[in-house]
Protein backbone atom coordinates (compact mmCIF):
# COMPACT_ATOMS: atom_id res chain seq x y z
CA MET A 1 111.05 180.80 129.81
CA LYS A 2 109.83 179.21 126.61
CA LYS A 3 110.64 180.51 123.15
CA SER A 4 107.96 181.45 120.67
CA THR A 5 107.80 181.93 116.92
CA ILE A 6 104.78 184.21 117.21
CA GLY A 7 105.48 187.83 116.35
CA GLY A 8 103.72 190.89 115.09
CA GLN A 9 103.81 194.60 114.45
CA ALA A 10 101.97 197.73 115.42
CA VAL A 11 99.43 199.11 112.96
CA MET A 12 97.07 202.07 112.97
CA GLU A 13 95.24 201.98 116.32
CA GLY A 14 96.04 198.32 116.74
CA VAL A 15 98.32 195.33 116.50
CA MET A 16 98.91 192.57 113.97
CA MET A 17 99.93 189.21 115.39
CA LYS A 18 101.31 186.45 113.21
CA ALA A 19 101.34 182.75 114.12
CA PRO A 20 102.96 180.20 111.79
CA GLU A 21 99.77 179.67 109.77
CA CYS A 22 97.41 182.44 110.82
CA MET A 23 97.44 186.22 111.14
CA ALA A 24 95.07 188.48 113.04
CA ILE A 25 94.77 192.28 113.01
CA ALA A 26 92.95 193.86 115.94
CA VAL A 27 92.16 197.59 116.01
CA ARG A 28 90.43 199.87 118.48
CA GLN A 29 87.57 201.68 116.81
CA PRO A 30 86.41 205.20 117.74
CA ASN A 31 83.38 203.76 119.58
CA GLY A 32 85.67 201.75 121.86
CA THR A 33 85.07 198.29 120.40
CA ILE A 34 87.80 196.05 119.04
CA GLN A 35 87.45 194.85 115.49
CA VAL A 36 89.44 191.85 114.29
CA LYS A 37 90.29 190.49 110.87
CA LYS A 38 91.90 187.07 110.51
CA GLN A 39 93.38 185.20 107.59
CA THR A 40 95.41 182.10 106.95
CA LEU A 41 98.97 182.50 105.77
CA THR A 42 100.98 180.71 103.14
CA THR A 43 104.64 181.00 102.28
CA VAL A 44 106.54 180.27 99.12
CA ARG A 45 108.94 178.23 101.27
CA ASN A 46 106.35 175.46 101.47
CA LYS A 47 106.25 175.24 97.68
CA TYR A 48 110.01 175.26 97.25
CA PRO A 49 111.72 173.39 100.15
CA ILE A 50 115.14 174.70 99.13
CA LEU A 51 114.01 178.12 100.38
CA LYS A 52 113.93 176.71 103.91
CA LEU A 53 117.71 176.49 103.97
CA PRO A 54 119.60 178.94 106.23
CA VAL A 55 120.07 182.43 104.76
CA LEU A 56 117.64 181.67 101.90
CA ARG A 57 114.78 181.43 104.40
CA GLY A 58 115.79 184.80 105.77
CA ILE A 59 115.67 186.41 102.34
CA VAL A 60 112.21 185.00 101.67
CA THR A 61 110.95 185.91 105.15
CA PHE A 62 112.21 189.48 104.80
CA ALA A 63 110.40 189.96 101.48
CA GLU A 64 107.18 188.37 102.71
CA THR A 65 107.29 190.39 105.94
CA MET A 66 107.60 193.65 104.04
CA ALA A 67 104.56 192.86 101.92
CA LEU A 68 102.59 191.61 104.93
CA GLY A 69 103.47 194.73 106.90
CA VAL A 70 102.18 197.08 104.22
CA ARG A 71 99.03 195.00 103.77
CA SER A 72 98.43 195.03 107.54
CA LEU A 73 98.72 198.82 107.70
CA MET A 74 96.25 199.21 104.84
CA THR A 75 93.84 196.75 106.47
CA SER A 76 94.00 198.52 109.83
CA ALA A 77 93.15 201.81 108.14
CA GLU A 78 90.12 200.18 106.55
CA LEU A 79 88.99 198.62 109.84
CA ILE A 80 88.94 201.92 111.70
CA GLY A 81 87.36 203.72 108.76
CA ASP A 82 90.29 206.10 108.46
CA THR A 83 90.45 205.97 104.71
CA GLU A 84 88.03 206.57 101.90
CA GLU A 85 87.63 203.95 99.21
CA TYR A 86 90.77 204.25 97.14
CA LYS A 87 90.39 204.58 93.39
CA PRO A 88 93.40 203.23 91.50
CA SER A 89 95.11 205.66 89.14
CA ARG A 90 95.03 205.09 85.40
CA PHE A 91 98.56 203.73 85.52
CA GLU A 92 97.68 201.30 88.33
CA ALA A 93 94.57 200.19 86.47
CA PHE A 94 96.69 199.70 83.34
CA LEU A 95 99.20 197.55 85.26
CA ALA A 96 96.41 195.52 86.83
CA ASP A 97 94.93 194.82 83.41
CA LYS A 98 98.25 193.86 81.82
CA LEU A 99 99.40 191.73 84.75
CA GLY A 100 96.05 190.06 85.30
CA LYS A 101 95.99 191.22 88.93
CA GLU A 102 93.40 192.92 91.08
CA ALA A 103 93.83 196.70 91.32
CA GLU A 104 94.21 196.41 95.10
CA GLU A 105 97.18 194.09 94.64
CA VAL A 106 98.84 196.54 92.30
CA VAL A 107 98.34 199.34 94.84
CA LEU A 108 99.92 197.15 97.52
CA TYR A 109 102.92 196.30 95.38
CA SER A 110 103.29 199.96 94.42
CA ALA A 111 103.39 200.92 98.10
CA VAL A 112 106.10 198.32 98.74
CA VAL A 113 108.14 199.58 95.78
CA LEU A 114 107.84 203.20 96.93
CA ALA A 115 108.86 202.28 100.48
CA ALA A 116 111.84 200.33 99.15
CA ALA A 117 112.85 203.22 96.88
CA PHE A 118 112.72 205.63 99.85
CA ALA A 119 114.85 203.30 101.98
CA ILE A 120 117.38 202.82 99.18
CA GLY A 121 117.66 206.54 98.62
CA LEU A 122 118.02 207.39 102.31
CA PHE A 123 120.18 204.52 103.56
CA ILE A 124 122.24 203.54 100.51
CA LEU A 125 122.42 206.35 97.95
CA LEU A 126 122.80 209.24 100.42
CA PRO A 127 125.61 207.60 102.47
CA ALA A 128 127.39 206.67 99.23
CA LEU A 129 127.22 210.28 98.04
CA LEU A 130 128.40 211.68 101.38
CA SER A 131 131.30 209.24 101.63
CA GLY A 132 132.32 210.26 98.12
CA LEU A 133 132.99 213.78 99.46
CA ILE A 134 135.70 212.53 101.81
CA ARG A 135 137.23 210.03 99.36
CA PRO A 136 139.84 212.54 98.04
CA LEU A 137 141.12 212.99 101.61
CA ILE A 138 141.43 209.30 102.50
CA HIS A 139 143.21 206.77 100.29
CA SER A 140 142.20 203.57 102.09
CA ASN A 141 139.13 201.95 100.55
CA VAL A 142 138.46 200.02 103.75
CA VAL A 143 138.46 203.17 105.87
CA VAL A 144 136.21 205.09 103.49
CA ASN A 145 133.77 202.18 103.24
CA LEU A 146 133.72 201.91 107.04
CA MET A 147 132.99 205.62 107.29
CA GLU A 148 130.17 205.20 104.76
CA GLY A 149 128.73 202.48 106.99
CA PHE A 150 128.86 204.68 110.06
CA ILE A 151 127.25 207.52 108.10
CA ARG A 152 124.46 205.10 107.17
CA LEU A 153 124.05 204.09 110.79
CA GLY A 154 123.95 207.74 111.86
CA ILE A 155 121.24 208.54 109.30
CA PHE A 156 119.26 205.56 110.56
CA LEU A 157 119.46 206.74 114.17
CA ILE A 158 118.54 210.33 113.27
CA TYR A 159 115.59 209.04 111.26
CA LEU A 160 114.30 207.03 114.23
CA VAL A 161 114.72 209.96 116.61
CA LEU A 162 112.83 212.33 114.31
CA ILE A 163 109.87 210.04 113.59
CA SER A 164 109.61 209.08 117.28
CA LYS A 165 108.71 212.72 118.03
CA MET A 166 105.69 212.67 115.71
CA LYS A 167 102.43 212.39 117.65
CA ASP A 168 100.82 209.76 115.40
CA ILE A 169 103.99 207.70 115.29
CA ARG A 170 104.33 207.81 119.07
CA ARG A 171 100.90 206.20 119.34
CA VAL A 172 101.97 203.47 116.94
CA PHE A 173 105.04 202.93 119.10
CA GLU A 174 102.76 202.50 122.13
CA TYR A 175 101.00 199.67 120.33
CA HIS A 176 104.45 198.33 119.47
CA GLY A 177 105.19 198.20 123.19
CA ALA A 178 101.85 196.45 123.80
CA GLU A 179 102.76 193.82 121.23
CA HIS A 180 106.07 193.08 122.97
CA LYS A 181 104.52 192.94 126.45
CA THR A 182 101.90 190.48 125.24
CA ILE A 183 104.48 188.17 123.66
CA HIS A 184 106.64 188.37 126.79
CA CYS A 185 103.63 187.39 128.89
CA TYR A 186 102.96 184.36 126.70
CA GLU A 187 106.61 183.32 126.67
CA HIS A 188 106.68 183.49 130.48
CA ASP A 189 103.76 181.04 130.47
CA GLU A 190 101.36 183.41 132.19
CA GLU A 191 97.69 183.87 131.46
CA LEU A 192 97.19 186.58 128.87
CA THR A 193 95.57 189.33 130.90
CA VAL A 194 96.21 193.06 131.02
CA GLU A 195 97.42 192.77 134.60
CA ASN A 196 99.96 190.09 133.73
CA ALA A 197 101.18 191.74 130.52
CA ARG A 198 101.53 195.17 132.09
CA LYS A 199 104.59 194.24 134.16
CA TYR A 200 106.75 193.09 131.26
CA SER A 201 109.27 195.06 129.24
CA THR A 202 108.48 196.80 125.96
CA LEU A 203 111.83 195.52 124.63
CA HIS A 204 112.13 192.14 122.89
CA PRO A 205 115.12 190.43 121.21
CA ARG A 206 113.10 189.36 118.14
CA CYS A 207 111.97 192.91 117.37
CA GLY A 208 112.29 194.23 113.83
CA THR A 209 114.17 197.26 115.17
CA ALA A 210 116.92 194.97 116.45
CA PHE A 211 116.90 193.18 113.10
CA LEU A 212 117.43 196.45 111.22
CA LEU A 213 120.36 197.37 113.44
CA ILE A 214 121.93 193.96 112.78
CA VAL A 215 121.44 194.61 109.05
CA MET A 216 123.32 197.89 109.45
CA VAL A 217 126.20 196.30 111.34
CA ILE A 218 126.60 193.33 108.97
CA SER A 219 126.45 195.65 105.98
CA ILE A 220 129.25 197.77 107.46
CA VAL A 221 131.47 194.68 107.75
CA ILE A 222 130.69 193.29 104.28
CA TYR A 223 130.82 196.61 102.40
CA SER A 224 134.12 197.57 104.05
CA PHE A 225 135.96 194.92 101.98
CA MET A 226 134.62 196.19 98.67
CA GLY A 227 136.68 198.30 96.33
CA TRP A 228 135.97 201.90 95.38
CA GLN A 229 134.01 202.34 92.17
CA ASN A 230 131.91 205.14 90.74
CA ILE A 231 128.68 205.99 92.52
CA PHE A 232 126.44 203.89 90.27
CA ILE A 233 128.53 200.73 90.63
CA ARG A 234 128.79 201.19 94.39
CA VAL A 235 125.03 201.61 94.82
CA LEU A 236 124.32 198.66 92.52
CA ALA A 237 126.79 196.42 94.36
CA ARG A 238 125.23 197.28 97.70
CA LEU A 239 121.75 196.56 96.37
CA LEU A 240 122.83 193.19 95.01
CA LEU A 241 124.31 192.24 98.38
CA LEU A 242 121.24 193.33 100.37
CA PRO A 243 119.44 189.94 100.11
CA LEU A 244 122.53 188.17 101.46
CA ILE A 245 122.82 190.68 104.31
CA ALA A 246 119.11 190.32 105.13
CA GLY A 247 119.47 186.53 105.15
CA LEU A 248 122.48 186.61 107.47
CA SER A 249 120.75 189.12 109.76
CA TYR A 250 117.71 186.88 109.96
CA GLU A 251 119.85 183.96 111.10
CA VAL A 252 121.48 186.08 113.82
CA THR A 253 118.10 187.35 115.05
CA ARG A 254 116.60 183.85 114.91
CA ALA A 255 119.46 182.41 116.96
CA ALA A 256 119.20 185.23 119.47
CA GLY A 257 115.50 184.59 119.94
CA LYS A 258 116.22 180.98 120.89
CA SER A 259 119.15 181.53 123.25
CA ASP A 260 119.74 183.11 126.63
CA ALA A 261 123.52 182.83 126.35
CA ARG A 262 125.45 185.78 127.74
CA PHE A 263 127.31 186.31 124.45
CA ILE A 264 124.04 186.42 122.51
CA ARG A 265 122.57 188.91 124.97
CA ALA A 266 125.65 191.10 124.55
CA VAL A 267 125.34 191.01 120.75
CA MET A 268 121.63 191.90 120.92
CA TYR A 269 122.00 194.57 123.61
CA PRO A 270 122.42 197.57 121.23
CA GLY A 271 119.31 196.48 119.32
CA MET A 272 117.38 196.13 122.55
CA MET A 273 118.38 199.64 123.60
CA LEU A 274 117.42 200.99 120.18
CA GLN A 275 113.88 199.80 120.87
CA LYS A 276 113.63 202.54 123.47
CA LEU A 277 113.09 204.79 120.45
CA THR A 278 110.54 202.58 118.70
CA THR A 279 108.44 201.43 121.66
CA ARG A 280 106.51 203.31 124.32
CA GLU A 281 104.63 202.22 127.42
CA PRO A 282 101.07 201.32 126.34
CA ASP A 283 97.92 201.96 128.31
CA ASP A 284 95.57 199.16 129.35
CA SER A 285 93.26 199.63 126.37
CA GLN A 286 96.20 199.12 124.02
CA LEU A 287 97.25 195.99 125.87
CA GLU A 288 93.70 194.68 125.45
CA VAL A 289 94.00 195.11 121.70
CA ALA A 290 97.37 193.35 121.56
CA ILE A 291 96.11 190.46 123.66
CA ARG A 292 93.03 190.11 121.49
CA ALA A 293 95.17 190.02 118.34
CA PHE A 294 97.41 187.35 119.89
CA GLN A 295 94.47 185.20 120.97
CA GLU A 296 92.82 185.43 117.57
CA ALA A 297 96.04 184.53 115.74
CA ALA A 298 97.16 181.70 118.02
CA GLY A 299 93.92 180.61 119.68
CA ASP A 300 94.55 178.52 122.78
CA ILE A 301 97.84 177.25 121.39
CA ALA A 302 100.80 178.43 119.35
CA GLU A 303 101.26 175.54 116.98
CA GLU A 304 103.76 173.05 118.43
CA GLU A 305 104.92 175.51 121.08
CA ARG A 306 102.22 174.13 123.36
CA ASP A 307 101.69 170.40 123.23
CA LEU A 308 97.94 170.69 123.00
CA LYS A 309 95.54 169.70 120.29
CA ILE A 310 94.69 172.13 117.52
CA GLU A 311 91.10 172.90 116.75
CA THR A 312 90.78 174.38 113.29
CA GLY A 313 88.02 176.83 112.44
CA ALA A 314 86.35 177.21 109.06
CA ASP A 315 88.87 179.86 108.01
CA GLY A 316 91.84 177.56 108.67
CA CYS A 317 93.10 179.50 111.68
CA ALA A 318 93.37 178.08 115.17
CA ASP A 319 89.92 178.29 116.74
CA SER A 320 89.74 181.32 119.00
CA ARG A 321 86.30 180.47 120.36
CA MET A 322 84.85 183.81 119.32
CA SER A 323 81.51 184.49 120.87
CA ASP A 324 80.28 186.28 117.79
CA ALA A 325 79.18 183.49 115.44
CA ALA A 326 78.72 185.87 112.55
CA GLY A 327 82.29 187.04 113.04
CA LYS A 328 83.50 183.45 112.75
CA GLY A 329 81.97 182.98 109.38
CA SER A 330 83.26 186.15 107.84
CA GLY A 331 86.66 186.44 109.51
CA ILE A 332 85.60 189.83 110.90
CA SER A 333 84.28 190.29 114.41
CA GLN A 334 83.59 193.07 116.86
CA ALA A 335 83.68 192.95 120.61
CA GLY A 336 84.01 195.55 123.29
CA LEU A 337 86.69 194.74 125.86
């Protein structure tokens, strides 16, 4: 089985697939057609080669992935017409004017900041506060820090269980499963068809869910050796170490995605099982969307992963041979599958 660098994520009524230099978002519209939006991708790592070093590349990838994920969700909502034209608030308009940015960019960055603030509050501040309650009973800093880590892990698991029961989220998780099945099909060198993709697992070692679990585990180990300070210092110290933890977690996930070693499979097993909460079996129409997104992002090849020639379209993405010529020119196309 070959290894691939192509990945993606589920979005509203669709899937985003990301090749090394091109991204495609495919969504199922209410009338049954599939609408696709493609764009070329750039990374700050190409501008600053030092950022391609181990750990540093993980930090950069994590930040870029967060921004890309939010942008993809917003784009999918626009494609299915599930949102009215958003009017920036006065504060957002003020920031856009002062920063010399488009209002839409400010809205995107604001969404990322809010999501980060929620995650920090739920997974860092809350566990720190709860562990502080048991500190008078336990005098070992290592033990208390370990307990804080396990509290954090417990909150994470409870959070996943709760959101997995939401109807809208369950549908997103079905598209998540479709994304994994499609990538499995490609990595097993089979033709990308619904029939071929259907038989594969919804679990994949390079999944973001597995990555987050690795982040939790590595943070437990690193934080356990820290001293015991007041709540503000503890939260600040954990925030400052987050980039390092994200970088280390990226390297572990990257290595796991390239190896079939028994030890690696054992390390990744808990993350694979956790995906049972974040993926669901998709139906055939959802698989069609995932396959379309993959084909649009990668075309007939996946960069150097297939030793075939690259044909580049006008938008810089690998040519997907879209039948809709108008769609080629604009980057947007519609087709019923």
